Protein backbone atom coordinates (compact mmCIF):
# COMPACT_ATOMS: atom_id res chain seq x y z
CA MET A 1 -0.07 0.07 0.03
CA ASP A 2 2.89 2.45 0.79
CA LYS A 3 4.21 1.92 -2.63
CA ILE A 4 1.00 2.70 -4.26
CA LEU A 5 0.71 5.84 -2.15
CA GLU A 6 4.15 6.81 -3.02
CA ILE A 7 3.56 6.58 -6.73
CA LEU A 8 0.23 8.58 -6.41
CA LYS A 9 2.10 11.31 -4.35
CA ASN A 10 4.62 11.53 -7.26
CA ILE A 11 1.85 12.09 -9.70
CA ARG A 12 -0.04 14.62 -7.71
CA PRO A 13 2.19 15.83 -4.86
CA GLU A 14 -0.35 18.44 -3.75
CA VAL A 15 -3.16 15.84 -2.99
CA ASP A 16 -3.68 13.85 0.28
CA PHE A 17 -4.93 10.68 -1.15
CA SER A 18 -5.25 9.07 2.30
CA ALA A 19 -8.09 11.48 2.95
CA SER A 20 -10.26 10.26 0.13
CA SER A 21 -12.15 7.00 -0.38
CA ASP A 22 -12.94 7.83 -4.10
CA PHE A 23 -10.15 9.42 -5.99
CA ILE A 24 -12.23 9.86 -9.16
CA ALA A 25 -15.35 11.30 -7.67
CA ASP A 26 -13.46 13.65 -5.51
CA GLY A 27 -11.50 14.92 -8.61
CA LEU A 28 -8.17 13.81 -7.39
CA LEU A 29 -7.34 11.76 -10.53
CA ASP A 30 -8.24 12.53 -14.14
CA SER A 31 -7.87 10.42 -17.22
CA PHE A 32 -4.29 11.68 -17.94
CA ASP A 33 -3.36 10.96 -14.38
CA MET A 34 -4.68 7.32 -14.77
CA VAL A 35 -2.63 6.68 -17.91
CA THR A 36 0.52 8.04 -15.97
CA LEU A 37 -0.46 5.91 -12.91
CA VAL A 38 -0.76 2.79 -15.12
CA SER A 39 2.62 3.41 -16.55
CA ASP A 40 4.19 3.98 -13.14
CA LEU A 41 2.43 0.94 -11.67
CA ASP A 42 3.74 -1.17 -14.62
CA ALA A 43 7.29 -0.25 -13.95
CA ALA A 44 7.14 -0.31 -10.19
CA PHE A 45 5.59 -3.80 -10.02
CA ASN A 46 7.21 -5.24 -13.20
CA ILE A 47 3.81 -6.12 -14.78
CA SER A 48 1.77 -4.97 -17.81
CA ILE A 49 -1.72 -3.80 -16.83
CA ASP A 50 -4.28 -4.91 -19.49
CA GLY A 51 -5.83 -2.17 -21.39
CA MET A 52 -9.27 -3.43 -20.73
CA ASP A 53 -8.55 -2.77 -17.10
CA ILE A 54 -7.88 0.87 -17.40
CA ILE A 55 -11.37 1.82 -16.24
CA PRO A 56 -12.34 4.31 -13.43
CA LYS A 57 -13.50 1.41 -11.06
CA TYR A 58 -9.94 0.25 -10.55
CA PHE A 59 -8.72 3.83 -9.52
CA THR A 60 -11.23 4.82 -7.00
CA ASN A 61 -9.03 4.16 -3.81
CA ILE A 62 -5.86 2.44 -2.67
CA GLY A 63 -7.81 -0.87 -2.33
CA SER A 64 -9.15 -0.88 -5.91
CA ILE A 65 -5.68 0.03 -7.28
CA ARG A 66 -4.21 -2.92 -5.22
CA GLN A 67 -6.96 -5.18 -6.85
CA LEU A 68 -5.95 -3.99 -10.24
CA LEU A 69 -2.23 -5.00 -9.46
CA VAL A 70 -3.16 -8.43 -8.20
CA LYS A 71 -5.49 -9.07 -11.13
CA ASN A 72 -2.55 -8.27 -13.51
CA GLY A 73 0.09 -10.35 -11.77
CA ALA A 74 1.78 -8.03 -9.22
CA ILE A 75 3.30 -9.75 -6.13
CA LEU A 76 2.35 -7.46 -3.19
């Protein structure tokens, strides 16, 4: 979880992601941020996230991002 939060903070350092339960609804991540996040997650966890999985439901909070990583083969 800490690694995910660190990646998020690198993308949007001005945002307190730990205070939000829905990053999309709260306007903390936009579509460009999601693409950047996918790229950073791929590199950090040595995986390749399936393009079909790049949908808002996997980017609402730390738990959903973790679920996305596991689904795509990351070892956490």
